[in-house]
Amino acid sequence: MKKIYLIMLIFVICLGLIACEKEETPVPTDGIPEVNTKLYRTDLRDDAPQVVLDELQAGFHFFWELANDDLDSTGYGLIPDRFNTFTGAPGNVASIASVGYGLS
């Protein structure tokens, strides 16, 4: 009985491999520079509204400036979850969400 299940499992795996096999199509490279230069990056942002660019910059600075970089701290590498806009101070709670987003 075990041999039948083993043969069926091998058959299903082989069938799956055959079904998933496809020809690789070449990726078009028209207009894509070989090196990601500053000119290439600014060309992409020409039509972005200024408010979007400001939000991107503020978001980057939040994670860059508020990450705990004190090697002697038990919270080294953590990023606060919130920023109090009334007091202008970062929060004192970090979560996996803020740290994961900061790492990305």
Protein backbone atom coordinates (compact mmCIF):
# COMPACT_ATOMS: atom_id res chain seq x y z
CA MET A 1 0.00 0.00 0.00
CA LYS A 2 2.86 2.37 0.83
CA LYS A 3 4.42 1.69 -2.57
CA ILE A 4 1.26 2.87 -4.32
CA TYR A 5 1.26 6.12 -2.36
CA LEU A 6 4.94 6.64 -3.09
CA ILE A 7 4.42 6.02 -6.82
CA MET A 8 1.44 8.41 -6.84
CA LEU A 9 3.47 11.08 -5.02
CA ILE A 10 6.35 10.78 -7.49
CA PHE A 11 3.89 10.93 -10.40
CA VAL A 12 2.22 14.10 -9.02
CA ILE A 13 5.58 15.77 -8.43
CA CYS A 14 6.77 14.94 -11.96
CA LEU A 15 3.49 16.15 -13.42
CA GLY A 16 3.81 19.39 -11.48
CA LEU A 17 7.35 19.93 -12.67
CA ILE A 18 6.35 19.35 -16.28
CA ALA A 19 3.36 21.69 -15.97
CA CYS A 20 5.46 24.45 -14.40
CA GLU A 21 8.19 24.27 -17.02
CA LYS A 22 8.02 27.17 -19.43
CA GLU A 23 10.32 28.93 -21.78
CA GLU A 24 12.08 31.96 -20.42
CA THR A 25 11.22 35.08 -22.37
CA PRO A 26 13.89 37.74 -22.59
CA VAL A 27 13.24 40.89 -20.61
CA PRO A 28 13.07 43.96 -22.85
CA THR A 29 15.80 46.46 -22.06
CA ASP A 30 14.69 49.31 -24.29
CA GLY A 31 15.39 52.61 -22.56
CA ILE A 32 16.75 51.08 -19.34
CA PRO A 33 20.30 52.20 -18.58
CA GLU A 34 22.80 49.56 -17.51
CA VAL A 35 23.75 51.58 -14.42
CA ASN A 36 21.23 53.22 -12.09
CA THR A 37 22.54 56.75 -12.40
CA LYS A 38 21.22 59.89 -10.73
CA LEU A 39 19.94 61.06 -14.08
CA TYR A 40 17.86 57.91 -14.39
CA ARG A 41 16.33 58.39 -10.92
CA THR A 42 15.44 62.05 -11.49
CA ASP A 43 13.86 61.24 -14.84
CA LEU A 44 11.38 59.00 -13.05
CA ARG A 45 10.41 61.75 -10.58
CA ASP A 46 9.82 64.57 -13.03
CA ASP A 47 6.06 64.23 -13.05
CA ALA A 48 5.61 63.44 -9.32
CA PRO A 49 3.71 66.10 -7.37
CA GLN A 50 5.84 67.97 -4.84
CA VAL A 51 3.62 66.91 -1.94
CA VAL A 52 4.36 63.25 -2.70
CA LEU A 53 8.09 63.92 -2.77
CA ASP A 54 7.85 65.83 0.53
CA GLU A 55 6.00 62.93 2.17
CA LEU A 56 8.60 60.45 0.92
CA GLN A 57 11.39 62.59 2.31
CA ALA A 58 9.64 63.06 5.67
CA GLY A 59 8.95 59.33 5.93
CA PHE A 60 12.58 58.49 5.21
CA HIS A 61 13.82 61.01 7.77
CA PHE A 62 11.47 59.59 10.44
CA PHE A 63 13.06 56.15 10.20
CA TRP A 64 16.58 57.46 9.66
CA GLU A 65 16.63 59.91 12.57
CA LEU A 66 14.57 58.02 15.15
CA ALA A 67 16.18 54.59 14.93
CA ASN A 68 17.92 53.79 18.22
CA ASP A 69 21.64 53.79 17.44
CA ASP A 70 22.91 53.52 21.05
CA LEU A 71 24.93 50.29 21.18
CA ASP A 72 24.63 50.08 24.99
CA SER A 73 20.83 50.37 24.93
CA THR A 74 18.60 47.32 25.25
CA GLY A 75 16.49 48.78 22.45
CA TYR A 76 19.34 49.09 19.96
CA GLY A 77 17.99 49.15 16.41
CA LEU A 78 14.37 49.70 17.40
CA ILE A 79 12.24 52.45 15.87
CA PRO A 80 9.39 54.15 17.74
CA ASP A 81 5.91 53.29 16.61
CA ARG A 82 4.53 56.83 16.78
CA PHE A 83 5.62 60.46 16.86
CA ASN A 84 3.67 62.93 18.99
CA THR A 85 3.06 65.93 16.76
CA PHE A 86 1.81 68.04 19.69
CA THR A 87 4.93 67.69 21.83
CA GLY A 88 7.36 67.05 18.97
CA ALA A 89 8.75 63.96 20.71
CA PRO A 90 8.97 60.38 19.48
CA GLY A 91 6.93 57.72 21.23
CA ASN A 92 8.44 55.30 23.71
CA VAL A 93 6.97 52.11 22.22
CA ALA A 94 8.49 50.20 19.31
CA SER A 95 6.77 47.42 17.42
CA ILE A 96 7.65 44.87 14.80
CA ALA A 97 5.66 46.94 12.31
CA SER A 98 7.76 50.08 12.66
CA VAL A 99 11.05 48.19 12.78
CA GLY A 100 10.12 46.02 9.78
CA TYR A 101 9.03 49.02 7.77
CA GLY A 102 12.21 50.86 8.74
CA LEU A 103 14.35 47.92 7.62
CA SER A 104 12.68 47.86 4.23
